[in-house]
Amino acid sequence: MCYLELIRFKNCVMAGISGIIGYIIASGDSLEKAILIFLVIFFICGYGNVINDIYDIEIDRINKPYRPLPSGRVSLERAKLLAILFLILGLFLSILINIYSFLIALINSILLYLYAKYFKKYKPIGNIIVSYLTGSTFLFGAVAGKNFLIAFILFICSFLATWGREIFKDYEDMEGDKKEGVKSLPIIFGKKSLYVATFLIVLAVLLSPLPYIFKIFNIYYLFLIFICDLLFLYLCFKALKGGHVSDKLKKVMLLVIIIFFISKFI
C-alpha cells in the first residue's frame, strides 16, 4: 500500500483514463493501443510523482511526515529504483505505439524531472509545465488516433484553462507560498495576476466552439460547451471579486472533458 501511496495510484489511473479519452476522441479504435496508452501514462505519471516526493523529502518531513518517504515506510534507495523502473517501462511501451508517442513520453519525463528539481518553487515557469503536462495526456492519446485535430483542440483548451487555474490557486495559496520561499505571479504582481489568469481562461472559452466550427461535433456540443463557458466566466468574475474558485474550476474542466467524450458519439 505504501508504494501505491508513493506513486499516487488514483492520480496515475485518472491520467491514464484521460489519455484513453484523447485516443477515443481522435477516432482511435484499437484496444491494444488504448491499453498501451493507459500503461505509458500510468508509468510516466508514477515516475513523476516519485521524483517529486524524492526532491520534497526534507520539506515533507515537516509538512507531511506521514508520506511514505519521510515516514520511513519506503527507503530513498527503493524510491529511486521505483522511479527508474517506471521511467524505463513507460518509455519502452511508448515505442510500441509510435515515434510521436515516444517523443511525448520522453519530453514529459524530462519536464517532470525539471519541475521537481528546479521549478516547483518558481511557479511562473512551473505553472506552464504543469499546464502542458495536464493537457499532454490528451495529446498523447491523440497521436495514436486518426483525427489529431479534435484532441489537439482539447489539449490547447486544457493547457490554457489549467494555466489560468494554477494562477488563481497560487493567489489563494499566496501566504503559505511566501513562508515556503515560493515565487509565483501573485507574489510578484499581486492582484494583477488575476487578470492574467482570467485572460487565459477567456482565451480557452473563445477556442471552445472550434470543434463545431470545423464541423467535427454537432450543435449539441455547442449547447453543452456554452454552459461550461458560462460557468468559467462566472468563476473568473467571482475570483476577481476575491472568491476562491480553483477547486470549482477543476470540476468544470472535468465536465468539459466529459462533454468532448460524449460529443464524439452524438
Protein backbone atom coordinates (compact mmCIF):
# COMPACT_ATOMS: atom_id res chain seq x y z
CA MET A 1 0.00 0.00 0.00
CA CYS A 2 2.82 2.43 0.75
CA TYR A 3 4.10 2.11 -2.83
CA LEU A 4 0.63 2.85 -4.21
CA GLU A 5 0.56 5.92 -1.99
CA LEU A 6 4.02 6.93 -3.19
CA ILE A 7 3.09 6.85 -6.88
CA ARG A 8 -0.35 8.39 -6.13
CA PHE A 9 -2.16 5.47 -7.71
CA LYS A 10 -5.50 7.22 -8.22
CA ASN A 11 -3.88 10.18 -9.98
CA CYS A 12 -2.00 7.81 -12.29
CA VAL A 13 -5.21 5.96 -13.14
CA MET A 14 -7.08 9.20 -13.87
CA ALA A 15 -4.23 10.44 -16.07
CA GLY A 16 -4.26 7.13 -17.95
CA ILE A 17 -8.02 7.37 -18.50
CA SER A 18 -7.55 10.92 -19.85
CA GLY A 19 -5.13 9.52 -22.41
CA ILE A 20 -7.66 6.89 -23.48
CA ILE A 21 -10.32 9.61 -23.81
CA GLY A 22 -7.94 11.59 -26.04
CA TYR A 23 -7.40 8.47 -28.13
CA ILE A 24 -11.13 7.75 -28.49
CA ILE A 25 -11.86 11.39 -29.36
CA ALA A 26 -9.14 11.14 -32.02
CA SER A 27 -11.06 8.21 -33.57
CA GLY A 28 -8.78 5.52 -32.21
CA ASP A 29 -10.31 2.06 -32.38
CA SER A 30 -7.55 -0.34 -31.29
CA LEU A 31 -7.96 -1.92 -27.83
CA GLU A 32 -4.26 -2.80 -27.80
CA LYS A 33 -3.24 0.83 -28.37
CA ALA A 34 -5.72 2.02 -25.73
CA ILE A 35 -4.15 -0.31 -23.17
CA LEU A 36 -0.64 0.77 -24.14
CA ILE A 37 -1.63 4.46 -23.85
CA PHE A 38 -3.03 3.85 -20.36
CA LEU A 39 0.09 1.98 -19.22
CA VAL A 40 2.57 4.52 -20.63
CA ILE A 41 0.79 7.45 -18.99
CA PHE A 42 0.37 5.48 -15.75
CA PHE A 43 4.10 4.68 -15.53
CA ILE A 44 5.34 8.14 -16.57
CA CYS A 45 2.91 9.81 -14.16
CA GLY A 46 4.02 7.45 -11.37
CA TYR A 47 7.66 8.23 -12.16
CA GLY A 48 6.94 11.95 -11.88
CA ASN A 49 5.15 11.57 -8.55
CA VAL A 50 8.00 9.54 -7.05
CA ILE A 51 10.63 12.02 -8.32
CA ASN A 52 8.56 14.83 -6.84
CA ASP A 53 8.50 13.16 -3.42
CA ILE A 54 12.23 12.44 -3.57
CA TYR A 55 13.06 16.11 -4.00
CA ASP A 56 10.42 17.15 -1.44
CA ILE A 57 11.55 14.72 1.27
CA GLU A 58 13.03 17.38 3.58
CA ILE A 59 10.00 19.67 3.29
CA ASP A 60 7.66 16.70 3.77
CA ARG A 61 9.47 15.76 6.99
CA ILE A 62 7.91 18.96 8.38
CA ASN A 63 4.68 19.43 6.41
CA LYS A 64 3.71 15.84 5.51
CA PRO A 65 5.61 13.45 7.81
CA TYR A 66 3.01 10.73 7.12
CA ARG A 67 4.10 10.40 3.46
CA PRO A 68 5.94 7.13 2.59
CA LEU A 69 9.44 8.65 2.29
CA PRO A 70 9.62 10.95 5.35
CA SER A 71 7.86 8.34 7.49
CA GLY A 72 10.46 5.74 6.51
CA ARG A 73 7.91 3.28 5.15
CA VAL A 74 9.76 3.43 1.83
CA SER A 75 13.52 3.98 1.71
CA LEU A 76 15.04 6.64 -0.53
CA GLU A 77 17.02 3.98 -2.42
CA ARG A 78 13.88 1.94 -3.20
CA ALA A 79 12.03 5.08 -4.27
CA LYS A 80 14.82 5.90 -6.74
CA LEU A 81 14.77 2.34 -8.09
CA LEU A 82 10.99 2.52 -8.49
CA ALA A 83 11.26 5.82 -10.36
CA ILE A 84 13.87 4.36 -12.73
CA LEU A 85 11.76 1.23 -13.29
CA PHE A 86 8.63 3.24 -14.07
CA LEU A 87 10.58 5.53 -16.40
CA ILE A 88 12.06 2.60 -18.35
CA LEU A 89 8.70 0.82 -18.61
CA GLY A 90 6.90 3.99 -19.73
CA LEU A 91 9.45 4.89 -22.41
CA PHE A 92 9.74 1.30 -23.70
CA LEU A 93 5.97 0.84 -24.02
CA SER A 94 5.62 4.23 -25.76
CA ILE A 95 7.90 2.99 -28.56
CA LEU A 96 5.39 0.22 -29.25
CA ILE A 97 2.72 2.86 -30.05
CA ASN A 98 4.68 5.11 -32.46
CA ILE A 99 7.62 7.51 -32.58
CA TYR A 100 5.44 10.51 -31.69
CA SER A 101 4.21 8.80 -28.53
CA PHE A 102 7.81 8.06 -27.56
CA LEU A 103 8.86 11.68 -28.10
CA ILE A 104 5.99 13.00 -25.96
CA ALA A 105 6.77 10.44 -23.23
CA LEU A 106 10.45 11.42 -23.32
CA ILE A 107 9.73 15.17 -23.23
CA ASN A 108 7.24 14.72 -20.39
CA SER A 109 9.73 12.64 -18.39
CA ILE A 110 12.35 15.39 -18.72
CA LEU A 111 9.84 18.09 -17.75
CA LEU A 112 8.68 16.12 -14.70
CA TYR A 113 12.29 15.88 -13.53
CA LEU A 114 12.99 19.58 -14.17
CA TYR A 115 9.79 20.59 -12.42
CA ALA A 116 10.56 18.53 -9.32
CA LYS A 117 14.17 19.69 -9.08
CA TYR A 118 14.08 23.30 -10.25
CA PHE A 119 10.68 24.84 -10.99
CA LYS A 120 8.31 23.69 -8.26
CA LYS A 121 9.23 26.77 -6.24
CA TYR A 122 9.41 29.07 -9.27
CA LYS A 123 5.82 28.92 -10.41
CA PRO A 124 5.87 31.35 -13.36
CA ILE A 125 7.60 28.52 -15.25
CA GLY A 126 6.33 25.67 -13.07
CA ASN A 127 2.71 26.54 -13.87
CA ILE A 128 3.37 26.34 -17.60
CA ILE A 129 4.97 22.92 -17.16
CA VAL A 130 2.03 21.65 -15.07
CA SER A 131 -0.45 23.01 -17.62
CA TYR A 132 1.34 21.34 -20.51
CA LEU A 133 1.65 18.04 -18.64
CA THR A 134 -2.07 18.08 -17.76
CA GLY A 135 -3.12 18.67 -21.36
CA SER A 136 -0.50 16.35 -22.81
CA THR A 137 -2.40 13.26 -21.68
CA PHE A 138 -4.96 14.08 -24.39
CA LEU A 139 -2.19 14.94 -26.84
CA PHE A 140 -0.53 11.59 -26.15
CA GLY A 141 -3.75 9.74 -26.90
CA ALA A 142 -4.32 11.86 -30.00
CA VAL A 143 -1.05 10.96 -31.74
CA ALA A 144 -2.10 7.31 -31.65
CA GLY A 145 -5.52 8.07 -33.17
CA LYS A 146 -6.75 9.08 -36.60
CA ASN A 147 -8.19 12.57 -36.02
CA PHE A 148 -5.47 14.59 -34.34
CA LEU A 149 -7.17 17.99 -34.69
CA ILE A 150 -10.02 17.48 -32.23
CA ALA A 151 -7.80 16.12 -29.46
CA PHE A 152 -5.30 18.93 -30.13
CA ILE A 153 -8.08 21.48 -29.56
CA LEU A 154 -8.88 19.77 -26.26
CA PHE A 155 -5.16 19.90 -25.40
CA ILE A 156 -4.95 23.66 -26.10
CA CYS A 157 -8.12 24.43 -24.13
CA SER A 158 -6.93 22.24 -21.24
CA PHE A 159 -3.50 23.91 -21.29
CA LEU A 160 -4.94 27.44 -21.15
CA ALA A 161 -7.62 26.66 -18.54
CA THR A 162 -5.16 24.78 -16.31
CA TRP A 163 -2.63 27.62 -16.56
CA GLY A 164 -5.29 30.12 -15.51
CA ARG A 165 -6.49 27.85 -12.70
CA GLU A 166 -2.93 27.41 -11.40
CA ILE A 167 -2.54 31.19 -11.13
CA PHE A 168 -5.86 31.51 -9.29
CA LYS A 169 -4.74 28.72 -6.96
CA ASP A 170 -1.40 30.46 -6.36
CA TYR A 171 -3.29 33.62 -5.38
CA GLU A 172 -5.31 31.60 -2.86
CA ASP A 173 -2.10 30.00 -1.51
CA MET A 174 -0.04 33.19 -1.51
CA GLU A 175 0.58 33.43 2.23
CA GLY A 176 1.73 29.84 2.55
CA ASP A 177 3.92 30.14 -0.55
CA LYS A 178 5.65 33.20 0.91
CA LYS A 179 6.62 31.21 4.01
CA GLU A 180 7.99 28.37 1.82
CA GLY A 181 10.07 30.76 -0.28
CA VAL A 182 8.00 30.09 -3.41
CA LYS A 183 7.93 32.61 -6.25
CA SER A 184 4.62 32.95 -8.11
CA LEU A 185 2.88 35.54 -10.29
CA PRO A 186 0.54 36.57 -7.42
CA ILE A 187 3.53 37.08 -5.11
CA ILE A 188 5.34 39.13 -7.76
CA PHE A 189 2.41 41.11 -9.22
CA GLY A 190 -0.33 40.77 -6.61
CA LYS A 191 -3.95 41.10 -7.77
CA LYS A 192 -2.85 41.96 -11.32
CA SER A 193 -2.05 38.27 -11.78
CA LEU A 194 -5.78 37.51 -11.55
CA TYR A 195 -6.32 39.40 -14.80
CA VAL A 196 -3.67 37.22 -16.46
CA ALA A 197 -5.47 34.10 -15.20
CA THR A 198 -8.81 35.46 -16.42
CA PHE A 199 -7.34 36.24 -19.86
CA LEU A 200 -6.05 32.66 -20.21
CA ILE A 201 -9.40 31.12 -19.30
CA VAL A 202 -11.32 33.52 -21.54
CA LEU A 203 -8.99 32.53 -24.39
CA ALA A 204 -9.84 28.86 -23.73
CA VAL A 205 -13.54 29.79 -23.79
CA LEU A 206 -13.13 31.57 -27.14
CA LEU A 207 -11.45 28.49 -28.62
CA SER A 208 -14.04 26.03 -27.28
CA PRO A 209 -16.50 26.40 -30.24
CA LEU A 210 -13.83 25.31 -32.75
CA PRO A 211 -14.95 21.64 -32.89
CA TYR A 212 -18.39 22.89 -34.01
CA ILE A 213 -16.94 25.47 -36.42
CA PHE A 214 -14.77 22.78 -38.01
CA LYS A 215 -17.87 20.52 -38.20
CA ILE A 216 -16.27 17.86 -36.00
CA PHE A 217 -19.10 17.99 -33.43
CA ASN A 218 -22.73 18.98 -33.89
CA ILE A 219 -25.00 21.62 -32.36
CA TYR A 220 -25.49 19.58 -29.17
CA TYR A 221 -21.79 20.03 -28.37
CA LEU A 222 -22.10 23.78 -28.88
CA PHE A 223 -25.02 23.97 -26.45
CA LEU A 224 -23.29 21.86 -23.78
CA ILE A 225 -19.94 23.65 -24.04
CA PHE A 226 -21.74 27.02 -23.89
CA ILE A 227 -22.99 26.10 -20.41
CA CYS A 228 -19.43 25.28 -19.31
CA ASP A 229 -18.16 28.52 -20.83
CA LEU A 230 -20.68 30.49 -18.78
CA LEU A 231 -19.52 28.67 -15.65
CA PHE A 232 -15.89 29.51 -16.47
CA LEU A 233 -16.70 33.19 -16.96
CA TYR A 234 -18.76 33.32 -13.76
CA LEU A 235 -15.93 31.77 -11.73
CA CYS A 236 -13.41 34.21 -13.21
CA PHE A 237 -15.67 37.10 -12.21
CA LYS A 238 -16.02 35.61 -8.74
CA ALA A 239 -12.22 35.24 -8.44
CA LEU A 240 -11.71 38.89 -9.39
CA LYS A 241 -14.08 39.78 -6.56
CA GLY A 242 -11.94 37.83 -4.08
CA GLY A 243 -13.57 34.40 -4.15
CA HIS A 244 -11.74 31.06 -4.01
CA VAL A 245 -12.53 29.25 -7.24
CA SER A 246 -9.64 26.90 -8.08
CA ASP A 247 -11.43 23.73 -6.90
CA LYS A 248 -14.62 24.66 -8.77
CA LEU A 249 -12.65 25.42 -11.92
CA LYS A 250 -11.17 21.93 -11.77
CA LYS A 251 -14.68 20.42 -11.65
CA VAL A 252 -15.80 22.46 -14.66
CA MET A 253 -12.69 21.33 -16.56
CA LEU A 254 -13.64 17.72 -15.83
CA LEU A 255 -17.12 18.46 -17.16
CA VAL A 256 -15.59 19.81 -20.38
CA ILE A 257 -13.66 16.55 -20.86
CA ILE A 258 -16.88 14.58 -20.38
CA ILE A 259 -18.65 16.79 -22.95
CA PHE A 260 -15.88 16.22 -25.52
CA PHE A 261 -16.18 12.48 -24.91
CA ILE A 262 -19.99 12.43 -25.15
CA SER A 263 -19.96 14.63 -28.26
CA LYS A 264 -17.89 12.00 -30.02
CA PHE A 265 -20.93 9.70 -30.00
CA ILE A 266 -23.88 12.07 -30.50
